[in-house]
Structures are given as C-alpha cells and as structure tokens.
Amino acid sequence: MAIKDMLVLLDNGHATPDQPAVSRGTGNADVDTIGPGPTLAIDLARRLEAHATGVALAVDPIVPGFVVAPLPVEVIEQARTQAVEVARITTERFRAVAERSAVQAETRIAEVLMGGAPEGFVVECRTTDLVVIGQDDPDRPEPMREAMIETALFEGTAPLLIVPYISRGTIALDRVMIGWDGSRTAARAVQAAMPLLAQAKKIAVVMVEKAGSNPGQPGAELATWLARHGLDVELTQVEAPDISVADALLDHAADKSFDLLVMGGYGHSRVREFLLGGATRGILATMTIPVLMAH
C-alpha cells in the first residue's frame, strides 16, 4: 500500500521564543525552525505526494506528590497557558514550512498530563500509513519523547520512522539496509517499508552473527522474496563477537553509507529490553540514520 497519510510528532523545543537556535550545520534552515524530524517528514510527504498531520504536545503541569504546600492555581494555569502557546507556535511553524513546500498538511494540539500519551494520538497511530518522530535531542529535550515512541510502536498499527537529531532534514532512499533476524517484528517492518524499498537502488539484508548464534537461512528467503518484487537485493552477514547488535548494525550502515535502516522494534517485552538492553534501545540511543521500525 502506498504511503499517502503521515502523522508527525512535532518538536516543541524549536518553538520556545527565549531559547537560542542550536545550529547543526546542516545547511537547512527549516531544521532550525521546526526540527529535523518534522523537516524530513515534510520532505518525504512532498516526494510521496502524501498528506501530513503535525501534532504538537501541550504538556499540562502536574504537582508532585512530595510538594508540602500546593502550588497556587495561578501558577499552574500560567504554566498550562505557556505550554499551549509553545504548541501553537510549533504548529504554525510546521504549517508554514509545509505550505512553502507545497505539501498538504494540517496541525493539531494535544494536551496531555505527564506520564500518559494523549488518546487522540494513539488513535491516529492506527489510522495512518506512517508515523514520524524525531530522536530526542539532548540540547532540546522533548517531554515524553521516549514514551511517545513506545506508544506509537506498541499501541499503533502504522510503521514508525524515527529521525536522528543530527539529520539534515532530508532522506535519501537510494541505499536501504534491512536488519534481519527472522522475527515477526522484523518481517512486519519489511512489509511496512515496501513503498520505500520500491524506490531504492540497492537493498542489503544484513544479519548480525553473534558468538554461538546460528543465523540459518531466513535472510536468503527474505532476499528471494524481495527479488521477486523486482528489488535489487544482496545478503550480508556481519560478525559481532564483542559488540552489541545495535552497534554492529549502525557501524555497518555507516561503513557502507546506507540512507535508511529497516528493522523490527522491541522483539522482547519493554521490561526485558529495559533490563537487558536490546537492539531497539541501543538504536534509539545512538542512531545516525533514519530508522523505520514496526512491532
């Protein structure tokens, strides 16, 4: 199915009036205006002739339980008003960039209490073709960013495209790498990525071989299936005896100059991933290229 509808989580950190711009040296002014994730989403929507819906979070203030004296109502209301205003600026800037790029777009503001994703966003993750969220930027941290990524993966049905904060705001699709382990989540990611894979000039199915592992033939079967769709595919095994799967995938992607990584997200439970690490958490922490995930 073609990608004709995209849901984009906007970056409020670029809309704070008193916060100086943090230039990444990308040469793309829109990145400093609305952030690399939304900028890339608009670029991709333009190329795919897709509609983009930008959602900005207005995180309502909450009073921590350890506060002895309750905060004055005026303070709480002022904080809420400021959060809504920042979200409004965020949506206006996104809409302006989309209009300048001739992309059909609309915007929404979702008010949310810290700790819980807005229900409207959850529903929209089930009625769109692609969700785009930027990696959290340590210089401009976004509230609940990791929680929103997990919400999109676990509660939604659409694939998730995560954009690194060092991105230039554009995405090339000439060289695509598939991180393959034969799992259900990896298979879902590949199927969801088919509209993007169809534009690639080269696709590599990469299997990471750890000490004592036995990759077998699932990668060959996937390569055969993709080849039957007319895609140019190569199969590669990467040995990683002393480093994590995430590092092995990202190192290979950098060495071979891939534009996009496709992989399954959270093959284990979130608790197990948190306690033991896992490829998903490693990728989210150190990603250098856009990553398309599905769960």
Protein backbone atom coordinates (compact mmCIF):
# COMPACT_ATOMS: atom_id res chain seq x y z
CA MET A 1 0.00 0.00 0.00
CA ALA A 2 1.30 3.44 -0.89
CA ILE A 3 2.12 5.97 1.82
CA LYS A 4 -0.44 8.74 1.41
CA ASP A 5 -1.06 9.80 5.00
CA MET A 6 1.61 10.64 7.60
CA LEU A 7 1.34 11.51 11.29
CA VAL A 8 4.21 13.69 12.56
CA LEU A 9 5.05 14.38 16.20
CA LEU A 10 6.32 17.96 16.29
CA ASP A 11 9.29 19.30 18.27
CA ASN A 12 8.33 22.00 20.77
CA GLY A 13 11.95 22.73 21.63
CA HIS A 14 12.31 24.73 18.42
CA ALA A 15 9.35 26.97 19.28
CA THR A 16 10.48 28.34 22.62
CA PRO A 17 10.87 32.09 21.96
CA ASP A 18 13.64 32.69 24.53
CA GLN A 19 15.73 29.66 23.54
CA PRO A 20 18.56 30.38 21.09
CA ALA A 21 18.77 28.35 17.92
CA VAL A 22 21.16 25.39 18.01
CA SER A 23 22.57 25.02 14.55
CA ARG A 24 23.65 21.54 13.48
CA GLY A 25 25.48 22.87 10.44
CA THR A 26 23.01 21.13 8.14
CA GLY A 27 22.56 23.99 5.69
CA ASN A 28 18.80 23.52 6.00
CA ALA A 29 17.15 26.49 7.73
CA ASP A 30 13.94 24.52 8.28
CA VAL A 31 15.79 22.16 10.65
CA ASP A 32 16.46 25.07 12.99
CA THR A 33 12.86 26.25 12.59
CA ILE A 34 10.87 23.08 13.24
CA GLY A 35 13.45 20.35 13.91
CA PRO A 36 14.95 17.59 11.76
CA GLY A 37 12.09 15.10 12.25
CA PRO A 38 9.26 17.36 11.04
CA THR A 39 11.50 18.78 8.28
CA LEU A 40 12.28 15.29 6.98
CA ALA A 41 8.59 14.36 7.21
CA ILE A 42 7.64 17.30 5.01
CA ASP A 43 10.37 16.41 2.52
CA LEU A 44 9.16 12.80 2.38
CA ALA A 45 5.49 13.85 2.11
CA ARG A 46 6.36 16.10 -0.83
CA ARG A 47 8.13 13.29 -2.65
CA LEU A 48 5.38 10.76 -1.95
CA GLU A 49 2.55 13.27 -2.55
CA ALA A 50 1.25 12.42 0.91
CA HIS A 51 -0.79 14.39 3.43
CA ALA A 52 0.99 15.27 6.68
CA THR A 53 -0.69 15.85 10.04
CA GLY A 54 1.54 17.55 12.60
CA VAL A 55 0.71 17.03 16.28
CA ALA A 56 2.24 19.23 19.00
CA LEU A 57 2.04 18.24 22.65
CA ALA A 58 0.97 20.72 25.29
CA VAL A 59 2.07 19.01 28.48
CA ASP A 60 -0.04 20.21 31.40
CA PRO A 61 1.82 20.91 34.64
CA ILE A 62 1.36 18.45 37.47
CA VAL A 63 2.03 18.94 41.16
CA PRO A 64 4.47 16.31 42.50
CA GLY A 65 3.26 14.34 45.49
CA PHE A 66 6.20 15.43 47.63
CA VAL A 67 5.25 19.12 47.50
CA VAL A 68 4.06 20.04 51.00
CA ALA A 69 2.23 23.20 50.08
CA PRO A 70 0.13 23.01 46.89
CA LEU A 71 1.13 25.34 44.10
CA PRO A 72 -1.15 28.33 43.57
CA VAL A 73 -3.79 27.84 40.93
CA GLU A 74 -2.45 30.89 39.09
CA VAL A 75 1.00 29.27 38.76
CA ILE A 76 -0.45 26.06 37.38
CA GLU A 77 -2.71 27.95 34.96
CA GLN A 78 0.19 30.11 33.79
CA ALA A 79 2.32 27.03 33.11
CA ARG A 80 -0.54 25.43 31.18
CA THR A 81 -1.09 28.59 29.14
CA GLN A 82 2.61 28.73 28.28
CA ALA A 83 2.61 25.05 27.22
CA VAL A 84 -0.34 25.64 24.90
CA GLU A 85 1.32 28.76 23.45
CA VAL A 86 4.54 26.87 22.70
CA ALA A 87 2.49 24.14 21.00
CA ARG A 88 0.64 26.79 18.97
CA ILE A 89 3.91 28.32 17.75
CA THR A 90 5.14 24.83 16.88
CA THR A 91 2.10 24.06 14.75
CA GLU A 92 2.21 27.42 12.97
CA ARG A 93 5.84 26.96 12.00
CA PHE A 94 5.18 23.43 10.74
CA ARG A 95 2.21 24.60 8.70
CA ALA A 96 4.28 27.42 7.18
CA VAL A 97 7.11 25.08 6.12
CA ALA A 98 4.62 22.60 4.68
CA GLU A 99 2.87 25.34 2.70
CA ARG A 100 6.17 26.59 1.32
CA SER A 101 6.99 23.01 0.26
CA ALA A 102 3.57 22.58 -1.42
CA VAL A 103 2.64 19.76 0.97
CA GLN A 104 -0.95 19.26 2.05
CA ALA A 105 -0.87 19.47 5.85
CA GLU A 106 -2.93 20.09 8.93
CA THR A 107 -1.97 20.55 12.57
CA ARG A 108 -3.36 19.68 15.97
CA ILE A 109 -2.54 20.38 19.60
CA ALA A 110 -2.84 17.51 22.06
CA GLU A 111 -2.97 18.40 25.75
CA VAL A 112 -1.57 15.68 27.96
CA LEU A 113 -0.66 15.05 31.57
CA MET A 114 2.93 13.97 32.11
CA GLY A 115 3.14 10.18 32.09
CA GLY A 116 0.34 9.33 29.69
CA ALA A 117 0.11 9.61 25.92
CA PRO A 118 -2.89 11.54 24.54
CA GLU A 119 -5.65 9.20 23.46
CA GLY A 120 -6.14 11.09 20.20
CA PHE A 121 -2.53 10.47 19.20
CA VAL A 122 -2.89 6.77 19.99
CA VAL A 123 -5.97 6.50 17.78
CA GLU A 124 -4.28 8.35 14.92
CA CYS A 125 -1.33 5.92 15.07
CA ARG A 126 -3.86 3.29 13.97
CA THR A 127 -5.36 5.27 11.11
CA THR A 128 -2.34 6.48 9.17
CA ASP A 129 0.25 4.99 6.84
CA LEU A 130 3.37 6.22 8.63
CA VAL A 131 4.26 7.86 11.94
CA VAL A 132 7.34 10.14 12.03
CA ILE A 133 9.03 11.03 15.32
CA GLY A 134 12.41 12.64 15.86
CA GLN A 135 15.02 11.18 18.20
CA ASP A 136 15.24 13.16 21.42
CA ASP A 137 17.85 15.92 21.17
CA PRO A 138 19.92 16.34 24.36
CA ASP A 139 20.26 20.07 23.60
CA ARG A 140 16.50 20.46 23.20
CA PRO A 141 14.86 17.61 25.14
CA GLU A 142 11.20 16.96 24.41
CA PRO A 143 8.77 15.87 27.14
CA MET A 144 7.75 12.22 26.97
CA ARG A 145 9.64 11.59 23.74
CA GLU A 146 10.63 8.00 24.56
CA ALA A 147 7.12 7.30 25.85
CA MET A 148 5.62 8.62 22.62
CA ILE A 149 7.93 6.41 20.54
CA GLU A 150 6.90 3.36 22.56
CA THR A 151 3.24 4.36 22.29
CA ALA A 152 3.48 4.57 18.51
CA LEU A 153 5.14 1.14 18.34
CA PHE A 154 3.01 -0.75 20.85
CA GLU A 155 -0.37 0.95 20.60
CA GLY A 156 -0.41 1.88 16.92
CA THR A 157 -0.51 -0.23 13.79
CA ALA A 158 1.40 2.02 11.41
CA PRO A 159 5.18 1.73 10.98
CA LEU A 160 7.33 4.29 12.78
CA LEU A 161 10.07 6.33 11.13
CA ILE A 162 12.49 7.70 13.72
CA VAL A 163 14.74 10.58 12.63
CA PRO A 164 18.13 11.20 14.32
CA TYR A 165 18.57 14.65 15.82
CA ILE A 166 21.69 15.16 13.70
CA SER A 167 19.68 14.73 10.49
CA ARG A 168 19.81 17.39 7.78
CA GLY A 169 16.05 17.12 7.41
CA THR A 170 16.06 15.15 4.17
CA ILE A 171 16.05 11.45 3.44
CA ALA A 172 17.66 9.59 0.56
CA LEU A 173 16.27 6.18 -0.34
CA ASP A 174 18.93 5.00 -2.78
CA ARG A 175 20.59 2.59 -0.34
CA VAL A 176 18.42 0.82 2.23
CA MET A 177 19.63 -1.66 4.83
CA ILE A 178 17.38 -4.24 6.48
CA GLY A 179 18.43 -5.51 9.91
CA TRP A 180 17.11 -9.05 9.72
CA ASP A 181 16.76 -11.70 12.43
CA GLY A 182 13.82 -13.65 11.03
CA SER A 183 11.45 -12.36 13.73
CA ARG A 184 7.82 -11.37 13.33
CA THR A 185 8.61 -7.74 14.13
CA ALA A 186 11.37 -7.63 11.51
CA ALA A 187 9.02 -9.15 8.93
CA ARG A 188 6.35 -6.56 9.75
CA ALA A 189 8.91 -3.78 9.34
CA VAL A 190 9.96 -5.03 5.91
CA GLN A 191 6.36 -5.34 4.73
CA ALA A 192 5.58 -1.84 6.01
CA ALA A 193 8.67 -0.45 4.27
CA MET A 194 7.79 -1.84 0.83
CA PRO A 195 6.71 1.58 -0.59
CA LEU A 196 10.12 2.97 0.38
CA LEU A 197 12.05 -0.14 -0.68
CA ALA A 198 10.49 0.17 -4.12
CA GLN A 199 12.38 3.46 -4.57
CA ALA A 200 15.76 2.04 -3.53
CA LYS A 201 18.54 1.33 -5.98
CA LYS A 202 20.22 -1.09 -3.62
CA ILE A 203 18.90 -3.10 -0.67
CA ALA A 204 21.07 -5.08 1.73
CA VAL A 205 19.63 -7.72 4.05
CA VAL A 206 22.06 -7.73 6.98
CA MET A 207 22.18 -10.43 9.64
CA VAL A 208 24.32 -9.93 12.74
CA GLU A 209 26.13 -13.08 13.80
CA LYS A 210 26.96 -13.20 17.50
CA ALA A 211 29.21 -15.80 19.10
CA GLY A 212 27.35 -19.11 19.23
CA SER A 213 24.48 -17.92 17.05
CA ASN A 214 23.21 -19.80 14.06
CA PRO A 215 21.59 -17.38 11.58
CA GLY A 216 20.49 -20.15 9.23
CA GLN A 217 18.73 -19.24 6.01
CA PRO A 218 15.95 -16.71 6.86
CA GLY A 219 17.93 -13.90 5.27
CA ALA A 220 18.21 -15.79 2.00
CA GLU A 221 14.47 -16.42 1.97
CA LEU A 222 13.77 -12.72 2.52
CA ALA A 223 16.21 -11.73 -0.21
CA THR A 224 14.48 -14.12 -2.61
CA TRP A 225 11.06 -12.72 -1.74
CA LEU A 226 12.22 -9.13 -2.29
CA ALA A 227 13.92 -10.08 -5.55
CA ARG A 228 10.61 -11.46 -6.81
CA HIS A 229 9.23 -7.95 -6.31
CA GLY A 230 11.87 -6.68 -8.70
CA LEU A 231 14.17 -5.30 -5.98
CA ASP A 232 17.96 -5.44 -6.17
CA VAL A 233 18.98 -7.28 -3.00
CA GLU A 234 22.23 -8.51 -1.51
CA LEU A 235 22.63 -10.69 1.58
CA THR A 236 25.32 -9.85 4.13
CA GLN A 237 26.33 -11.44 7.42
CA VAL A 238 28.15 -9.24 9.91
CA GLU A 239 30.18 -10.81 12.69
CA ALA A 240 29.91 -9.02 16.02
CA PRO A 241 31.54 -11.12 18.74
CA ASP A 242 32.43 -8.23 21.03
CA ILE A 243 29.84 -5.50 20.34
CA SER A 244 26.08 -5.18 20.58
CA VAL A 245 23.71 -5.89 17.72
CA ALA A 246 22.76 -2.19 17.64
CA ASP A 247 26.39 -1.10 17.31
CA ALA A 248 27.05 -3.73 14.65
CA LEU A 249 24.09 -2.54 12.56
CA LEU A 250 24.95 1.14 12.88
CA ASP A 251 28.66 0.54 12.19
CA HIS A 252 27.82 -1.40 9.03
CA ALA A 253 25.33 1.26 7.94
CA ALA A 254 27.98 3.95 8.36
CA ASP A 255 30.73 1.95 6.64
CA LYS A 256 28.53 1.27 3.59
CA SER A 257 26.82 4.70 3.54
CA PHE A 258 23.24 3.46 3.83
CA ASP A 259 20.42 6.02 3.84
CA LEU A 260 17.79 4.13 5.84
CA LEU A 261 17.69 1.22 8.30
CA VAL A 262 14.62 -1.04 8.44
CA MET A 263 14.22 -3.29 11.48
CA GLY A 264 11.77 -4.72 13.99
CA GLY A 265 11.14 -2.78 17.19
CA TYR A 266 11.09 -4.31 20.68
CA GLY A 267 11.18 -8.01 19.89
CA HIS A 268 11.03 -8.65 23.64
CA SER A 269 8.86 -7.03 26.27
CA ARG A 270 9.64 -3.43 27.19
CA VAL A 271 10.66 -4.55 30.71
CA ARG A 272 13.13 -7.08 29.36
CA GLU A 273 14.51 -4.57 26.85
CA PHE A 274 14.97 -2.05 29.67
CA LEU A 275 16.72 -4.51 31.97
CA LEU A 276 18.87 -6.29 29.41
CA GLY A 277 19.39 -3.58 26.83
CA GLY A 278 18.36 -4.88 23.42
CA ALA A 279 18.84 -3.73 19.86
CA THR A 280 15.88 -1.33 19.93
CA ARG A 281 17.08 0.69 22.90
CA GLY A 282 20.62 0.72 21.51
CA ILE A 283 19.47 2.03 18.16
CA LEU A 284 17.28 4.72 19.74
CA ALA A 285 20.22 5.94 21.83
CA THR A 286 22.93 6.05 19.15
CA MET A 287 21.19 6.17 15.75
CA THR A 288 22.87 8.15 12.99
CA ILE A 289 20.47 7.48 10.08
CA PRO A 290 16.66 7.33 9.89
CA VAL A 291 15.25 4.03 11.16
CA LEU A 292 11.90 2.53 10.15
CA MET A 293 10.54 0.20 12.84
CA ALA A 294 7.46 -1.90 13.35
CA HIS A 295 6.37 -4.05 16.26
